[in-house]
């Protein structure tokens, strides 16, 4: 198994890409900490995985709160003895905003999508140092690579920040044998917080820019994340893995 004996925290782990990541990581031998604000869904997923003789637990985590991060890392280490992997997956969409100049939405997007991963690295890297290294994957977006005038600018800005945060952390923690990479999904199934990008007409227009002619699936992003967390990617850090069906190639 590709993640045997690894301990992983996955934020936003109760739904969507995060849920798929937790399921795939657990099947690959990881002991998974499902971190989310949706307590019921998180507990349900943990029960689902443990009923399959896999190892998982749920812990409440609001990624914008440092105290929650400290408690989540402590819970992971207390339960499993160490921490090897972090997937900063939690995030919200910018496509539901009607007012693209909404300051409150800007702050919320930056807090969850950018400050959340910053806190994740801040609190998880020291635990990884104690075991001689680890791997961090930050889920960005193609919105962190290209501009999109129909979504809130805070989404592009926050995902772009994640891209460069990744490179800074890769440089900073490389000497500690901690690899840090970013994954950039393209058009995926709508998020619970999606707005315009959930509209069939908008999605059809977006699909015309995708050479593969379809949206991606959450497990395709999870498999990319799995690769970057595995020893198969042992000499990859500071990289951007784009999972977009060719959107950014057009």
C-alpha atoms as a PDB file:
ATOM      1  CA  UNK A   1       0.000   0.000   0.000  1.00  0.00           C
ATOM      2  CA  UNK A   2       1.295   3.417  -0.974  1.00  0.00           C
ATOM      3  CA  UNK A   3       0.649   5.176   2.355  1.00  0.00           C
ATOM      4  CA  UNK A   4       1.226   2.313   4.784  1.00  0.00           C
ATOM      5  CA  UNK A   5       1.963   3.534   8.325  1.00  0.00           C
ATOM      6  CA  UNK A   6       1.361   7.177   7.380  1.00  0.00           C
ATOM      7  CA  UNK A   7      -0.833   9.511   9.429  1.00  0.00           C
ATOM      8  CA  UNK A   8      -2.734  12.133   7.442  1.00  0.00           C
ATOM      9  CA  UNK A   9      -4.896  15.147   8.236  1.00  0.00           C
ATOM     10  CA  UNK A  10      -7.322  16.061   5.441  1.00  0.00           C
ATOM     11  CA  UNK A  11      -9.185  19.354   5.826  1.00  0.00           C
ATOM     12  CA  UNK A  12     -12.655  19.695   4.377  1.00  0.00           C
ATOM     13  CA  UNK A  13     -12.571  15.922   4.589  1.00  0.00           C
ATOM     14  CA  UNK A  14     -16.290  15.250   4.962  1.00  0.00           C
ATOM     15  CA  UNK A  15     -17.403  16.172   1.453  1.00  0.00           C
ATOM     16  CA  UNK A  16     -16.344  16.268  -2.183  1.00  0.00           C
ATOM     17  CA  UNK A  17     -12.650  16.082  -3.016  1.00  0.00           C
ATOM     18  CA  UNK A  18     -11.763  15.893   0.663  1.00  0.00           C
ATOM     19  CA  UNK A  19     -14.031  12.913   1.231  1.00  0.00           C
ATOM     20  CA  UNK A  20     -12.643  11.101  -1.806  1.00  0.00           C
ATOM     21  CA  UNK A  21      -9.112  11.834  -0.563  1.00  0.00           C
ATOM     22  CA  UNK A  22      -9.900  10.379   2.867  1.00  0.00           C
ATOM     23  CA  UNK A  23     -11.363   7.240   1.299  1.00  0.00           C
ATOM     24  CA  UNK A  24      -8.438   6.685  -1.070  1.00  0.00           C
ATOM     25  CA  UNK A  25      -5.805   7.458   1.577  1.00  0.00           C
ATOM     26  CA  UNK A  26      -7.415   5.029   4.022  1.00  0.00           C
ATOM     27  CA  UNK A  27      -7.533   2.292   1.379  1.00  0.00           C
ATOM     28  CA  UNK A  28      -3.851   2.925   0.711  1.00  0.00           C
ATOM     29  CA  UNK A  29      -2.992   2.267   4.357  1.00  0.00           C
ATOM     30  CA  UNK A  30      -3.019   5.718   5.921  1.00  0.00           C
ATOM     31  CA  UNK A  31      -4.496   6.485   9.310  1.00  0.00           C
ATOM     32  CA  UNK A  32      -6.740   9.389   8.394  1.00  0.00           C
ATOM     33  CA  UNK A  33      -7.920  12.327  10.464  1.00  0.00           C
ATOM     34  CA  UNK A  34     -11.046  13.699   8.789  1.00  0.00           C
ATOM     35  CA  UNK A  35     -11.082  17.407   9.657  1.00  0.00           C
ATOM     36  CA  UNK A  36     -14.192  19.469   8.910  1.00  0.00           C
ATOM     37  CA  UNK A  37     -16.849  21.764  10.365  1.00  0.00           C
ATOM     38  CA  UNK A  38     -19.670  19.397   9.379  1.00  0.00           C
ATOM     39  CA  UNK A  39     -19.574  17.159  12.432  1.00  0.00           C
ATOM     40  CA  UNK A  40     -22.332  14.769  11.372  1.00  0.00           C
ATOM     41  CA  UNK A  41     -20.892  14.119   7.907  1.00  0.00           C
ATOM     42  CA  UNK A  42     -17.409  13.787   9.363  1.00  0.00           C
ATOM     43  CA  UNK A  43     -18.474  11.251  11.972  1.00  0.00           C
ATOM     44  CA  UNK A  44     -20.468   9.348   9.348  1.00  0.00           C
ATOM     45  CA  UNK A  45     -17.435   9.072   7.071  1.00  0.00           C
ATOM     46  CA  UNK A  46     -15.205   7.931   9.924  1.00  0.00           C
ATOM     47  CA  UNK A  47     -17.758   5.248  10.790  1.00  0.00           C
ATOM     48  CA  UNK A  48     -17.982   4.208   7.126  1.00  0.00           C
ATOM     49  CA  UNK A  49     -14.219   3.767   6.895  1.00  0.00           C
ATOM     50  CA  UNK A  50     -13.782   1.966  10.193  1.00  0.00           C
ATOM     51  CA  UNK A  51     -16.612  -0.400   9.258  1.00  0.00           C
ATOM     52  CA  UNK A  52     -14.424  -1.403   6.297  1.00  0.00           C
ATOM     53  CA  UNK A  53     -11.556  -2.212   8.684  1.00  0.00           C
ATOM     54  CA  UNK A  54      -9.754   0.984   7.706  1.00  0.00           C
ATOM     55  CA  UNK A  55      -8.318   3.470  10.192  1.00  0.00           C
ATOM     56  CA  UNK A  56      -9.928   6.883  10.507  1.00  0.00           C
ATOM     57  CA  UNK A  57     -11.193   9.371  13.048  1.00  0.00           C
ATOM     58  CA  UNK A  58     -13.062  12.657  12.855  1.00  0.00           C
ATOM     59  CA  UNK A  59     -12.003  15.920  14.466  1.00  0.00           C
ATOM     60  CA  UNK A  60     -13.791  19.257  14.281  1.00  0.00           C
ATOM     61  CA  UNK A  61     -11.683  21.890  12.536  1.00  0.00           C
ATOM     62  CA  UNK A  62     -12.516  25.428  11.486  1.00  0.00           C
ATOM     63  CA  UNK A  63      -9.426  26.173   9.407  1.00  0.00           C
ATOM     64  CA  UNK A  64      -9.609  29.895  10.243  1.00  0.00           C
ATOM     65  CA  UNK A  65      -9.088  29.244  13.971  1.00  0.00           C
ATOM     66  CA  UNK A  66      -5.591  28.601  15.285  1.00  0.00           C
ATOM     67  CA  UNK A  67      -6.896  26.919  18.432  1.00  0.00           C
ATOM     68  CA  UNK A  68      -8.745  24.375  16.278  1.00  0.00           C
ATOM     69  CA  UNK A  69      -5.556  23.632  14.346  1.00  0.00           C
ATOM     70  CA  UNK A  70      -3.550  23.102  17.524  1.00  0.00           C
ATOM     71  CA  UNK A  71      -6.244  20.790  18.883  1.00  0.00           C
ATOM     72  CA  UNK A  72      -6.498  18.794  15.633  1.00  0.00           C
ATOM     73  CA  UNK A  73      -2.754  18.182  15.402  1.00  0.00           C
ATOM     74  CA  UNK A  74      -2.683  17.167  19.070  1.00  0.00           C
ATOM     75  CA  UNK A  75      -5.594  14.774  18.522  1.00  0.00           C
ATOM     76  CA  UNK A  76      -3.832  13.167  15.547  1.00  0.00           C
ATOM     77  CA  UNK A  77      -0.571  12.699  17.443  1.00  0.00           C
ATOM     78  CA  UNK A  78      -2.338  11.497  20.595  1.00  0.00           C
ATOM     79  CA  UNK A  79      -4.329   8.922  18.616  1.00  0.00           C
ATOM     80  CA  UNK A  80      -1.707   7.706  16.159  1.00  0.00           C
ATOM     81  CA  UNK A  81       1.640   8.747  17.620  1.00  0.00           C
ATOM     82  CA  UNK A  82       2.802  11.060  14.828  1.00  0.00           C
ATOM     83  CA  UNK A  83       1.860  13.130  11.783  1.00  0.00           C
ATOM     84  CA  UNK A  84       3.237  12.541   8.280  1.00  0.00           C
ATOM     85  CA  UNK A  85       0.817  14.122   5.806  1.00  0.00           C
ATOM     86  CA  UNK A  86      -1.403  17.178   5.466  1.00  0.00           C
ATOM     87  CA  UNK A  87      -3.888  17.885   2.699  1.00  0.00           C
ATOM     88  CA  UNK A  88      -5.098  21.490   2.832  1.00  0.00           C
ATOM     89  CA  UNK A  89      -8.313  20.871   0.924  1.00  0.00           C
ATOM     90  CA  UNK A  90     -10.932  22.983   2.760  1.00  0.00           C
ATOM     91  CA  UNK A  91     -12.168  25.909   0.729  1.00  0.00           C
ATOM     92  CA  UNK A  92     -15.184  27.812  -0.555  1.00  0.00           C
ATOM     93  CA  UNK A  93     -16.191  28.894  -4.054  1.00  0.00           C
ATOM     94  CA  UNK A  94     -16.205  32.448  -5.324  1.00  0.00           C
ATOM     95  CA  UNK A  95     -18.852  31.802  -7.961  1.00  0.00           C
ATOM     96  CA  UNK A  96     -21.871  32.408  -5.731  1.00  0.00           C
ATOM     97  CA  UNK A  97     -21.142  36.103  -5.179  1.00  0.00           C
ATOM     98  CA  UNK A  98     -23.587  38.475  -6.879  1.00  0.00           C
ATOM     99  CA  UNK A  99     -21.492  41.518  -6.004  1.00  0.00           C
ATOM    100  CA  UNK A 100     -17.946  41.008  -7.223  1.00  0.00           C
ATOM    101  CA  UNK A 101     -16.825  43.971  -5.094  1.00  0.00           C
ATOM    102  CA  UNK A 102     -18.237  42.534  -1.846  1.00  0.00           C
ATOM    103  CA  UNK A 103     -15.575  43.209   0.784  1.00  0.00           C
ATOM    104  CA  UNK A 104     -17.034  40.704   3.217  1.00  0.00           C
ATOM    105  CA  UNK A 105     -16.783  37.951   0.608  1.00  0.00           C
ATOM    106  CA  UNK A 106     -13.186  38.947  -0.126  1.00  0.00           C
ATOM    107  CA  UNK A 107     -12.305  38.559   3.551  1.00  0.00           C
ATOM    108  CA  UNK A 108     -14.128  35.241   3.880  1.00  0.00           C
ATOM    109  CA  UNK A 109     -12.460  33.785   0.774  1.00  0.00           C
ATOM    110  CA  UNK A 110      -9.022  34.865   1.925  1.00  0.00           C
ATOM    111  CA  UNK A 111      -9.588  33.613   5.488  1.00  0.00           C
ATOM    112  CA  UNK A 112     -10.717  30.127   4.497  1.00  0.00           C
ATOM    113  CA  UNK A 113      -8.851  29.537   1.247  1.00  0.00           C
ATOM    114  CA  UNK A 114      -5.494  31.192   2.088  1.00  0.00           C
ATOM    115  CA  UNK A 115      -5.128  31.721   5.823  1.00  0.00           C
ATOM    116  CA  UNK A 116      -6.431  28.199   6.468  1.00  0.00           C
ATOM    117  CA  UNK A 117      -3.541  26.551   4.570  1.00  0.00           C
ATOM    118  CA  UNK A 118      -1.080  28.965   6.213  1.00  0.00           C
ATOM    119  CA  UNK A 119      -2.276  27.815   9.641  1.00  0.00           C
ATOM    120  CA  UNK A 120      -2.153  24.199   8.493  1.00  0.00           C
ATOM    121  CA  UNK A 121       1.503  24.475   7.567  1.00  0.00           C
ATOM    122  CA  UNK A 122       2.260  26.461  10.717  1.00  0.00           C
ATOM    123  CA  UNK A 123       0.861  23.784  13.026  1.00  0.00           C
ATOM    124  CA  UNK A 124       1.605  20.590  11.072  1.00  0.00           C
ATOM    125  CA  UNK A 125       5.188  21.189   9.954  1.00  0.00           C
ATOM    126  CA  UNK A 126       6.609  21.063  13.507  1.00  0.00           C
ATOM    127  CA  UNK A 127       4.936  17.680  14.078  1.00  0.00           C
ATOM    128  CA  UNK A 128       6.377  16.398  10.786  1.00  0.00           C
ATOM    129  CA  UNK A 129       9.863  17.575  11.746  1.00  0.00           C
ATOM    130  CA  UNK A 130       9.700  15.355  14.823  1.00  0.00           C
ATOM    131  CA  UNK A 131       9.398  12.232  12.648  1.00  0.00           C
ATOM    132  CA  UNK A 132      12.017  13.274  10.107  1.00  0.00           C
ATOM    133  CA  UNK A 133       9.824  14.719   7.384  1.00  0.00           C
ATOM    134  CA  UNK A 134       6.497  14.550   5.644  1.00  0.00           C
ATOM    135  CA  UNK A 135       4.429  15.833   2.747  1.00  0.00           C
ATOM    136  CA  UNK A 136       1.923  18.653   2.396  1.00  0.00           C
ATOM    137  CA  UNK A 137      -0.441  19.112  -0.529  1.00  0.00           C
ATOM    138  CA  UNK A 138      -2.325  22.379  -0.896  1.00  0.00           C
ATOM    139  CA  UNK A 139      -5.429  22.247  -3.073  1.00  0.00           C
ATOM    140  CA  UNK A 140      -5.371  25.392  -5.187  1.00  0.00           C
ATOM    141  CA  UNK A 141      -7.256  25.711  -8.496  1.00  0.00           C
ATOM    142  CA  UNK A 142      -6.782  26.722 -12.097  1.00  0.00           C
ATOM    143  CA  UNK A 143      -8.233  29.950 -10.690  1.00  0.00           C
ATOM    144  CA  UNK A 144      -4.848  30.393  -9.033  1.00  0.00           C
ATOM    145  CA  UNK A 145      -3.209  30.296 -12.476  1.00  0.00           C
ATOM    146  CA  UNK A 146      -5.593  32.244 -14.738  1.00  0.00           C
ATOM    147  CA  UNK A 147      -8.060  35.090 -14.284  1.00  0.00           C
ATOM    148  CA  UNK A 148     -11.830  34.602 -14.491  1.00  0.00           C
ATOM    149  CA  UNK A 149     -13.906  37.762 -14.681  1.00  0.00           C
ATOM    150  CA  UNK A 150     -17.192  36.144 -13.704  1.00  0.00           C
ATOM    151  CA  UNK A 151     -16.210  35.029 -10.181  1.00  0.00           C
ATOM    152  CA  UNK A 152     -15.298  37.026  -7.093  1.00  0.00           C
ATOM    153  CA  UNK A 153     -11.696  38.276  -7.318  1.00  0.00           C
ATOM    154  CA  UNK A 154     -11.101  36.916  -3.832  1.00  0.00           C
ATOM    155  CA  UNK A 155     -11.282  33.387  -5.220  1.00  0.00           C
ATOM    156  CA  UNK A 156      -8.577  33.987  -7.821  1.00  0.00           C
ATOM    157  CA  UNK A 157      -6.481  35.896  -5.304  1.00  0.00           C
ATOM    158  CA  UNK A 158      -6.840  33.301  -2.549  1.00  0.00           C
ATOM    159  CA  UNK A 159      -5.992  30.397  -4.825  1.00  0.00           C
ATOM    160  CA  UNK A 160      -3.060  32.324  -6.288  1.00  0.00           C
ATOM    161  CA  UNK A 161      -1.842  32.935  -2.750  1.00  0.00           C
ATOM    162  CA  UNK A 162      -1.978  29.202  -2.064  1.00  0.00           C
ATOM    163  CA  UNK A 163       0.194  28.597  -5.129  1.00  0.00           C
ATOM    164  CA  UNK A 164       2.985  30.867  -3.876  1.00  0.00           C
ATOM    165  CA  UNK A 165       2.544  29.849  -0.233  1.00  0.00           C
ATOM    166  CA  UNK A 166       3.296  26.339  -1.477  1.00  0.00           C
ATOM    167  CA  UNK A 167       6.542  27.395  -3.116  1.00  0.00           C
ATOM    168  CA  UNK A 168       7.656  29.390  -0.081  1.00  0.00           C
ATOM    169  CA  UNK A 169       6.960  26.436   2.212  1.00  0.00           C
ATOM    170  CA  UNK A 170       8.755  24.043  -0.145  1.00  0.00           C
ATOM    171  CA  UNK A 171      11.831  26.255   0.031  1.00  0.00           C
ATOM    172  CA  UNK A 172      11.551  26.759   3.771  1.00  0.00           C
ATOM    173  CA  UNK A 173      10.948  23.170   4.825  1.00  0.00           C
ATOM    174  CA  UNK A 174      12.957  21.279   2.215  1.00  0.00           C
ATOM    175  CA  UNK A 175      15.940  20.987   4.599  1.00  0.00           C
ATOM    176  CA  UNK A 176      13.551  19.296   7.059  1.00  0.00           C
ATOM    177  CA  UNK A 177      12.573  16.689   4.435  1.00  0.00           C
ATOM    178  CA  UNK A 178       9.053  18.105   4.189  1.00  0.00           C
ATOM    179  CA  UNK A 179       7.790  18.264   0.622  1.00  0.00           C
ATOM    180  CA  UNK A 180       5.106  20.832  -0.253  1.00  0.00           C
ATOM    181  CA  UNK A 181       3.203  20.808  -3.547  1.00  0.00           C
ATOM    182  CA  UNK A 182      -0.007  22.253  -4.950  1.00  0.00           C
ATOM    183  CA  UNK A 183      -2.790  20.643  -6.984  1.00  0.00           C
ATOM    184  CA  UNK A 184      -4.851  22.784  -9.355  1.00  0.00           C
ATOM    185  CA  UNK A 185      -8.241  21.269 -10.250  1.00  0.00           C
ATOM    186  CA  UNK A 186     -10.189  22.549 -13.221  1.00  0.00           C
ATOM    187  CA  UNK A 187     -13.925  22.185 -13.789  1.00  0.00           C
ATOM    188  CA  UNK A 188     -15.203  19.695 -11.216  1.00  0.00           C
ATOM    189  CA  UNK A 189     -18.665  18.710  -9.958  1.00  0.00           C
ATOM    190  CA  UNK A 190     -20.214  21.751  -8.241  1.00  0.00           C
ATOM    191  CA  UNK A 191     -19.175  22.461  -4.670  1.00  0.00           C
ATOM    192  CA  UNK A 192     -21.783  22.984  -1.975  1.00  0.00           C
ATOM    193  CA  UNK A 193     -20.833  26.683  -2.074  1.00  0.00           C
ATOM    194  CA  UNK A 194     -20.895  26.997  -5.892  1.00  0.00           C
ATOM    195  CA  UNK A 195     -23.094  29.530  -7.650  1.00  0.00           C
ATOM    196  CA  UNK A 196     -22.575  30.393 -11.318  1.00  0.00           C
ATOM    197  CA  UNK A 197     -20.327  27.389 -11.900  1.00  0.00           C
ATOM    198  CA  UNK A 198     -23.220  25.104 -10.929  1.00  0.00           C
ATOM    199  CA  UNK A 199     -25.470  26.573 -13.622  1.00  0.00           C
ATOM    200  CA  UNK A 200     -25.754  24.146 -16.575  1.00  0.00           C
ATOM    201  CA  UNK A 201     -25.469  26.906 -19.183  1.00  0.00           C
ATOM    202  CA  UNK A 202     -22.333  28.319 -17.546  1.00  0.00           C
ATOM    203  CA  UNK A 203     -20.816  24.853 -17.218  1.00  0.00           C
ATOM    204  CA  UNK A 204     -21.507  24.094 -20.878  1.00  0.00           C
ATOM    205  CA  UNK A 205     -19.699  27.292 -21.861  1.00  0.00           C
ATOM    206  CA  UNK A 206     -16.746  26.414 -19.616  1.00  0.00           C
ATOM    207  CA  UNK A 207     -16.567  22.889 -21.024  1.00  0.00           C
ATOM    208  CA  UNK A 208     -15.971  24.268 -24.496  1.00  0.00           C
ATOM    209  CA  UNK A 209     -12.524  25.305 -23.246  1.00  0.00           C
ATOM    210  CA  UNK A 210     -11.660  21.809 -21.973  1.00  0.00           C
ATOM    211  CA  UNK A 211      -9.880  19.644 -24.594  1.00  0.00           C
ATOM    212  CA  UNK A 212     -11.015  16.403 -22.925  1.00  0.00           C
ATOM    213  CA  UNK A 213     -14.606  17.616 -23.234  1.00  0.00           C
ATOM    214  CA  UNK A 214     -15.825  16.741 -19.738  1.00  0.00           C
ATOM    215  CA  UNK A 215     -15.561  17.863 -16.158  1.00  0.00           C
ATOM    216  CA  UNK A 216     -13.175  16.124 -13.812  1.00  0.00           C
ATOM    217  CA  UNK A 217     -14.193  13.828 -10.985  1.00  0.00           C
ATOM    218  CA  UNK A 218     -13.228  14.237  -7.347  1.00  0.00           C
ATOM    219  CA  UNK A 219     -11.357  10.924  -7.305  1.00  0.00           C
ATOM    220  CA  UNK A 220      -9.112  12.172 -10.113  1.00  0.00           C
ATOM    221  CA  UNK A 221      -7.950  15.026  -7.904  1.00  0.00           C
ATOM    222  CA  UNK A 222      -7.625  12.672  -4.944  1.00  0.00           C
ATOM    223  CA  UNK A 223      -5.388  10.351  -6.959  1.00  0.00           C
ATOM    224  CA  UNK A 224      -3.142  13.266  -7.922  1.00  0.00           C
ATOM    225  CA  UNK A 225      -2.927  14.176  -4.243  1.00  0.00           C
ATOM    226  CA  UNK A 226      -2.155  10.559  -3.370  1.00  0.00           C
ATOM    227  CA  UNK A 227       0.763  10.537  -5.802  1.00  0.00           C
ATOM    228  CA  UNK A 228       2.260  13.712  -4.320  1.00  0.00           C
ATOM    229  CA  UNK A 229       1.932  12.345  -0.778  1.00  0.00           C
ATOM    230  CA  UNK A 230       3.461   8.990  -1.669  1.00  0.00           C
ATOM    231  CA  UNK A 231       7.128   8.014  -1.835  1.00  0.00           C
ATOM    232  CA  UNK A 232       6.736   7.902  -5.618  1.00  0.00           C
ATOM    233  CA  UNK A 233       6.984  11.710  -5.502  1.00  0.00           C
ATOM    234  CA  UNK A 234      10.010  11.719  -3.196  1.00  0.00           C
ATOM    235  CA  UNK A 235      11.954  14.233  -5.333  1.00  0.00           C
ATOM    236  CA  UNK A 236       9.011  16.510  -6.110  1.00  0.00           C
ATOM    237  CA  UNK A 237       8.499  19.685  -4.083  1.00  0.00           C
ATOM    238  CA  UNK A 238       7.338  23.187  -4.900  1.00  0.00           C
ATOM    239  CA  UNK A 239       5.536  21.825  -7.958  1.00  0.00           C
ATOM    240  CA  UNK A 240       2.107  22.543  -9.451  1.00  0.00           C
ATOM    241  CA  UNK A 241       0.083  19.545 -10.623  1.00  0.00           C
ATOM    242  CA  UNK A 242      -2.763  20.742 -12.857  1.00  0.00           C
ATOM    243  CA  UNK A 243      -5.789  18.415 -13.059  1.00  0.00           C
ATOM    244  CA  UNK A 244      -7.958  20.247 -15.560  1.00  0.00           C
ATOM    245  CA  UNK A 245      -8.543  18.141 -18.687  1.00  0.00           C
ATOM    246  CA  UNK A 246      -6.251  20.483 -20.607  1.00  0.00           C
ATOM    247  CA  UNK A 247      -8.083  23.744 -19.831  1.00  0.00           C
ATOM    248  CA  UNK A 248      -4.898  25.694 -19.156  1.00  0.00           C
ATOM    249  CA  UNK A 249      -3.297  24.348 -22.337  1.00  0.00           C
ATOM    250  CA  UNK A 250      -5.791  26.164 -24.570  1.00  0.00           C
END
